[in-house]
Amino acid sequence: MAESCQLTDKKCKPCEGGVDPIAADDAKKMLGELPGWKLMGNKIEKEYQFKDFVKAIAFVNQLAELAESEGHHPDISVHYNKVLVSLWTHAIGGLSENDFIVAAKTETLG
């Protein structure tokens, strides 16, 4: 199974469907390398907390740039100083390696 340091070295691959989602057991193993991320049905999620709204939005802006560069976009919810990041691969209705790549790279944002 891929480790987070390996995931941060990878680039997301376009996914147009036609592949099976990652099995729940494999997803749980991969999550072991991503502190604070949780398996929520067919998604992985993590809530980040910041000092204030401005810091939360700065994080969202960094995440938006990361998502654009990877071509893989999370669902993002902002609640004043909290940001909930949800990842799943819409084209397959579940998790792909891309979700774990973006999650691992999200952990590197400052």
N, C-alpha and C. Protein backbone atom coordinates (compact mmCIF):
# COMPACT_ATOMS: atom_id res chain seq x y z
N MET A 1 0.84 -1.18 0.00
CA MET A 1 0.00 0.00 0.00
C MET A 1 0.88 1.24 0.00
N ALA A 2 0.43 2.29 -0.62
CA ALA A 2 1.22 3.51 -0.74
C ALA A 2 1.32 4.22 0.61
N GLU A 3 2.46 4.82 0.88
CA GLU A 3 2.64 5.63 2.07
C GLU A 3 2.45 7.09 1.69
N SER A 4 2.18 7.92 2.71
CA SER A 4 1.88 9.32 2.43
C SER A 4 3.03 10.02 1.73
N CYS A 5 4.30 9.71 2.10
CA CYS A 5 5.42 10.37 1.43
C CYS A 5 5.45 9.99 -0.04
N GLN A 6 5.08 8.77 -0.36
CA GLN A 6 5.00 8.36 -1.76
C GLN A 6 3.83 9.04 -2.45
N LEU A 7 2.74 9.19 -1.74
CA LEU A 7 1.57 9.84 -2.33
C LEU A 7 1.87 11.29 -2.69
N THR A 8 2.63 11.98 -1.88
CA THR A 8 2.94 13.38 -2.18
C THR A 8 3.86 13.51 -3.38
N ASP A 9 4.53 12.43 -3.74
CA ASP A 9 5.39 12.45 -4.93
C ASP A 9 4.63 12.13 -6.21
N LYS A 10 3.39 11.67 -6.07
CA LYS A 10 2.59 11.27 -7.23
C LYS A 10 1.76 12.43 -7.76
N LYS A 11 1.28 12.27 -8.97
CA LYS A 11 0.40 13.23 -9.63
C LYS A 11 -0.92 12.52 -9.93
N CYS A 12 -2.01 13.21 -9.73
CA CYS A 12 -3.32 12.63 -10.03
C CYS A 12 -3.42 12.30 -11.51
N LYS A 13 -4.11 11.19 -11.78
CA LYS A 13 -4.35 10.77 -13.15
C LYS A 13 -5.81 11.03 -13.48
N PRO A 14 -6.09 11.52 -14.68
CA PRO A 14 -7.49 11.75 -15.06
C PRO A 14 -8.30 10.46 -14.89
N CYS A 15 -9.49 10.61 -14.34
CA CYS A 15 -10.37 9.46 -14.14
C CYS A 15 -11.72 9.77 -14.76
N GLU A 16 -12.06 9.05 -15.79
CA GLU A 16 -13.34 9.24 -16.49
C GLU A 16 -14.30 8.09 -16.19
N GLY A 17 -13.96 7.29 -15.19
CA GLY A 17 -14.80 6.15 -14.87
C GLY A 17 -14.23 4.88 -15.46
N GLY A 18 -15.00 3.80 -15.38
CA GLY A 18 -14.56 2.52 -15.95
C GLY A 18 -13.60 1.74 -15.08
N VAL A 19 -13.33 2.23 -13.87
CA VAL A 19 -12.49 1.49 -12.92
C VAL A 19 -13.28 1.35 -11.62
N ASP A 20 -12.93 0.33 -10.86
CA ASP A 20 -13.60 0.12 -9.59
C ASP A 20 -13.02 1.05 -8.52
N PRO A 21 -13.86 1.51 -7.60
CA PRO A 21 -13.35 2.28 -6.46
C PRO A 21 -12.43 1.40 -5.61
N ILE A 22 -11.59 2.04 -4.82
CA ILE A 22 -10.73 1.33 -3.87
C ILE A 22 -11.63 0.65 -2.84
N ALA A 23 -11.32 -0.59 -2.51
CA ALA A 23 -12.08 -1.34 -1.51
C ALA A 23 -11.93 -0.68 -0.14
N ALA A 24 -12.96 -0.81 0.69
CA ALA A 24 -12.97 -0.17 2.02
C ALA A 24 -11.77 -0.58 2.86
N ASP A 25 -11.39 -1.86 2.83
CA ASP A 25 -10.23 -2.31 3.62
C ASP A 25 -8.95 -1.63 3.16
N ASP A 26 -8.77 -1.50 1.85
CA ASP A 26 -7.58 -0.82 1.32
C ASP A 26 -7.61 0.66 1.67
N ALA A 27 -8.79 1.27 1.60
CA ALA A 27 -8.93 2.68 1.95
C ALA A 27 -8.55 2.90 3.41
N LYS A 28 -8.97 2.00 4.29
CA LYS A 28 -8.64 2.13 5.71
C LYS A 28 -7.14 2.04 5.93
N LYS A 29 -6.48 1.15 5.21
CA LYS A 29 -5.02 1.02 5.32
C LYS A 29 -4.34 2.31 4.87
N MET A 30 -4.80 2.87 3.75
CA MET A 30 -4.20 4.11 3.24
C MET A 30 -4.45 5.27 4.21
N LEU A 31 -5.61 5.27 4.85
CA LEU A 31 -5.93 6.33 5.81
C LEU A 31 -5.00 6.30 7.01
N GLY A 32 -4.43 5.16 7.30
CA GLY A 32 -3.47 5.04 8.39
C GLY A 32 -2.28 5.96 8.21
N GLU A 33 -2.03 6.38 6.99
CA GLU A 33 -0.91 7.28 6.68
C GLU A 33 -1.34 8.74 6.63
N LEU A 34 -2.62 9.00 6.88
CA LEU A 34 -3.16 10.37 6.78
C LEU A 34 -3.83 10.75 8.10
N PRO A 35 -3.06 11.33 9.03
CA PRO A 35 -3.60 11.64 10.35
C PRO A 35 -4.83 12.54 10.28
N GLY A 36 -5.86 12.14 11.02
CA GLY A 36 -7.06 12.95 11.13
C GLY A 36 -8.09 12.76 10.03
N TRP A 37 -7.73 12.08 8.95
CA TRP A 37 -8.68 11.81 7.87
C TRP A 37 -9.54 10.62 8.26
N LYS A 38 -10.82 10.68 7.90
CA LYS A 38 -11.76 9.63 8.25
C LYS A 38 -12.49 9.13 7.01
N LEU A 39 -12.79 7.85 7.02
CA LEU A 39 -13.60 7.26 5.97
C LEU A 39 -15.06 7.49 6.32
N MET A 40 -15.77 8.18 5.43
CA MET A 40 -17.18 8.51 5.65
C MET A 40 -17.97 7.99 4.45
N GLY A 41 -18.40 6.74 4.52
CA GLY A 41 -19.09 6.13 3.39
C GLY A 41 -18.14 5.94 2.22
N ASN A 42 -18.44 6.61 1.10
CA ASN A 42 -17.58 6.49 -0.08
C ASN A 42 -16.65 7.68 -0.23
N LYS A 43 -16.41 8.42 0.88
CA LYS A 43 -15.56 9.61 0.87
C LYS A 43 -14.54 9.53 1.99
N ILE A 44 -13.49 10.36 1.88
CA ILE A 44 -12.62 10.62 3.02
C ILE A 44 -12.76 12.09 3.36
N GLU A 45 -12.70 12.39 4.67
CA GLU A 45 -12.92 13.77 5.12
C GLU A 45 -11.98 14.11 6.26
N LYS A 46 -11.71 15.41 6.35
CA LYS A 46 -10.96 15.95 7.48
C LYS A 46 -11.41 17.37 7.72
N GLU A 47 -11.54 17.73 9.00
CA GLU A 47 -11.86 19.11 9.35
C GLU A 47 -10.59 19.78 9.89
N TYR A 48 -10.30 20.94 9.34
CA TYR A 48 -9.17 21.75 9.77
C TYR A 48 -9.70 22.95 10.54
N GLN A 49 -9.01 23.33 11.61
CA GLN A 49 -9.43 24.49 12.39
C GLN A 49 -8.32 25.53 12.37
N PHE A 50 -8.73 26.80 12.28
CA PHE A 50 -7.80 27.92 12.16
C PHE A 50 -8.11 28.98 13.20
N LYS A 51 -7.21 29.93 13.33
CA LYS A 51 -7.36 31.01 14.32
C LYS A 51 -8.60 31.85 14.02
N ASP A 52 -8.84 32.11 12.73
CA ASP A 52 -9.96 32.97 12.36
C ASP A 52 -10.37 32.71 10.91
N PHE A 53 -11.36 33.45 10.46
CA PHE A 53 -11.91 33.30 9.11
C PHE A 53 -10.86 33.56 8.04
N VAL A 54 -10.06 34.59 8.22
CA VAL A 54 -9.05 34.96 7.22
C VAL A 54 -8.06 33.82 7.01
N LYS A 55 -7.61 33.19 8.10
CA LYS A 55 -6.68 32.06 7.98
C LYS A 55 -7.36 30.86 7.30
N ALA A 56 -8.63 30.65 7.62
CA ALA A 56 -9.36 29.55 6.98
C ALA A 56 -9.45 29.76 5.48
N ILE A 57 -9.75 30.98 5.06
CA ILE A 57 -9.87 31.28 3.63
C ILE A 57 -8.51 31.21 2.95
N ALA A 58 -7.45 31.60 3.63
CA ALA A 58 -6.11 31.47 3.06
C ALA A 58 -5.80 30.00 2.77
N PHE A 59 -6.19 29.11 3.70
CA PHE A 59 -6.01 27.68 3.49
C PHE A 59 -6.83 27.20 2.30
N VAL A 60 -8.08 27.65 2.21
CA VAL A 60 -8.94 27.26 1.09
C VAL A 60 -8.31 27.70 -0.23
N ASN A 61 -7.75 28.90 -0.27
CA ASN A 61 -7.11 29.37 -1.50
C ASN A 61 -5.92 28.51 -1.88
N GLN A 62 -5.12 28.11 -0.89
CA GLN A 62 -3.99 27.21 -1.17
C GLN A 62 -4.50 25.86 -1.68
N LEU A 63 -5.56 25.37 -1.06
CA LEU A 63 -6.14 24.10 -1.46
C LEU A 63 -6.70 24.17 -2.88
N ALA A 64 -7.30 25.30 -3.22
CA ALA A 64 -7.84 25.48 -4.58
C ALA A 64 -6.71 25.41 -5.61
N GLU A 65 -5.58 26.04 -5.32
CA GLU A 65 -4.43 25.99 -6.23
C GLU A 65 -3.91 24.56 -6.37
N LEU A 66 -3.82 23.85 -5.24
CA LEU A 66 -3.38 22.46 -5.27
C LEU A 66 -4.34 21.62 -6.11
N ALA A 67 -5.63 21.77 -5.88
CA ALA A 67 -6.63 20.99 -6.61
C ALA A 67 -6.55 21.26 -8.11
N GLU A 68 -6.40 22.50 -8.49
CA GLU A 68 -6.27 22.85 -9.92
C GLU A 68 -5.03 22.21 -10.53
N SER A 69 -3.92 22.25 -9.80
CA SER A 69 -2.68 21.68 -10.34
C SER A 69 -2.77 20.17 -10.48
N GLU A 70 -3.58 19.53 -9.62
CA GLU A 70 -3.75 18.07 -9.68
C GLU A 70 -4.89 17.66 -10.61
N GLY A 71 -5.78 18.59 -10.94
CA GLY A 71 -6.94 18.23 -11.74
C GLY A 71 -7.91 17.35 -10.98
N HIS A 72 -7.90 17.47 -9.65
CA HIS A 72 -8.79 16.66 -8.80
C HIS A 72 -9.26 17.57 -7.67
N HIS A 73 -10.56 17.76 -7.56
CA HIS A 73 -11.11 18.83 -6.73
C HIS A 73 -11.94 18.30 -5.57
N PRO A 74 -11.62 18.72 -4.35
CA PRO A 74 -12.40 18.30 -3.19
C PRO A 74 -13.67 19.14 -3.04
N ASP A 75 -14.58 18.63 -2.24
CA ASP A 75 -15.70 19.44 -1.78
C ASP A 75 -15.19 20.16 -0.53
N ILE A 76 -15.47 21.45 -0.43
CA ILE A 76 -14.95 22.28 0.66
C ILE A 76 -16.11 23.03 1.30
N SER A 77 -16.20 22.92 2.64
CA SER A 77 -17.19 23.68 3.39
C SER A 77 -16.46 24.55 4.41
N VAL A 78 -16.82 25.83 4.45
CA VAL A 78 -16.19 26.77 5.38
C VAL A 78 -17.22 27.19 6.42
N HIS A 79 -16.84 27.10 7.68
CA HIS A 79 -17.68 27.52 8.80
C HIS A 79 -16.82 28.39 9.71
N TYR A 80 -16.77 29.67 9.41
CA TYR A 80 -15.94 30.68 10.10
C TYR A 80 -14.47 30.26 10.16
N ASN A 81 -14.04 29.56 11.21
CA ASN A 81 -12.63 29.20 11.34
C ASN A 81 -12.38 27.71 11.11
N LYS A 82 -13.37 27.01 10.58
CA LYS A 82 -13.24 25.59 10.30
C LYS A 82 -13.46 25.33 8.82
N VAL A 83 -12.67 24.40 8.28
CA VAL A 83 -12.80 24.00 6.88
C VAL A 83 -12.92 22.49 6.84
N LEU A 84 -14.01 22.01 6.26
CA LEU A 84 -14.21 20.58 6.06
C LEU A 84 -13.85 20.24 4.62
N VAL A 85 -12.91 19.32 4.46
CA VAL A 85 -12.47 18.88 3.13
C VAL A 85 -12.96 17.45 2.92
N SER A 86 -13.71 17.24 1.84
CA SER A 86 -14.23 15.91 1.48
C SER A 86 -13.70 15.53 0.11
N LEU A 87 -13.19 14.33 0.02
CA LEU A 87 -12.65 13.85 -1.25
C LEU A 87 -13.28 12.53 -1.65
N TRP A 88 -13.64 12.44 -2.91
CA TRP A 88 -14.09 11.21 -3.54
C TRP A 88 -14.04 11.44 -5.04
N THR A 89 -14.01 10.37 -5.78
CA THR A 89 -13.91 10.47 -7.22
C THR A 89 -15.31 10.30 -7.81
N HIS A 90 -15.89 11.40 -8.22
CA HIS A 90 -17.27 11.43 -8.70
C HIS A 90 -17.50 10.46 -9.84
N ALA A 91 -16.54 10.34 -10.75
CA ALA A 91 -16.71 9.52 -11.95
C ALA A 91 -16.90 8.03 -11.63
N ILE A 92 -16.42 7.60 -10.46
CA ILE A 92 -16.56 6.18 -10.11
C ILE A 92 -17.44 6.00 -8.87
N GLY A 93 -17.92 7.10 -8.31
CA GLY A 93 -18.81 7.01 -7.16
C GLY A 93 -18.15 6.47 -5.90
N GLY A 94 -16.85 6.67 -5.80
CA GLY A 94 -16.12 6.17 -4.65
C GLY A 94 -14.71 6.71 -4.63
N LEU A 95 -13.84 6.01 -3.94
CA LEU A 95 -12.48 6.48 -3.75
C LEU A 95 -11.52 5.92 -4.79
N SER A 96 -10.60 6.79 -5.22
CA SER A 96 -9.50 6.38 -6.10
C SER A 96 -8.20 6.85 -5.45
N GLU A 97 -7.09 6.44 -6.02
CA GLU A 97 -5.80 6.88 -5.49
C GLU A 97 -5.70 8.41 -5.52
N ASN A 98 -6.34 9.06 -6.49
CA ASN A 98 -6.31 10.51 -6.57
C ASN A 98 -6.76 11.17 -5.27
N ASP A 99 -7.76 10.60 -4.63
CA ASP A 99 -8.27 11.18 -3.39
C ASP A 99 -7.20 11.17 -2.31
N PHE A 100 -6.46 10.10 -2.24
CA PHE A 100 -5.42 9.98 -1.23
C PHE A 100 -4.20 10.86 -1.57
N ILE A 101 -3.94 11.04 -2.85
CA ILE A 101 -2.86 11.94 -3.27
C ILE A 101 -3.18 13.36 -2.84
N VAL A 102 -4.41 13.82 -3.13
CA VAL A 102 -4.79 15.19 -2.76
C VAL A 102 -4.84 15.33 -1.23
N ALA A 103 -5.32 14.32 -0.54
CA ALA A 103 -5.34 14.38 0.94
C ALA A 103 -3.92 14.51 1.49
N ALA A 104 -3.01 13.71 0.98
CA ALA A 104 -1.61 13.76 1.46
C ALA A 104 -0.99 15.13 1.16
N LYS A 105 -1.26 15.66 -0.01
CA LYS A 105 -0.70 16.98 -0.37
C LYS A 105 -1.37 18.09 0.42
N THR A 106 -2.65 17.92 0.78
CA THR A 106 -3.34 18.90 1.61
C THR A 106 -2.63 19.02 2.96
N GLU A 107 -2.12 17.92 3.46
CA GLU A 107 -1.40 17.92 4.74
C GLU A 107 -0.13 18.77 4.69
N THR A 108 0.38 19.05 3.53
CA THR A 108 1.62 19.83 3.41
C THR A 108 1.36 21.33 3.33
N LEU A 109 0.09 21.72 3.23
CA LEU A 109 -0.23 23.15 3.10
C LEU A 109 -0.02 23.86 4.42
N GLY A 110 0.44 25.09 4.34
CA GLY A 110 0.74 25.83 5.56
C GLY A 110 -0.13 26.99 5.71
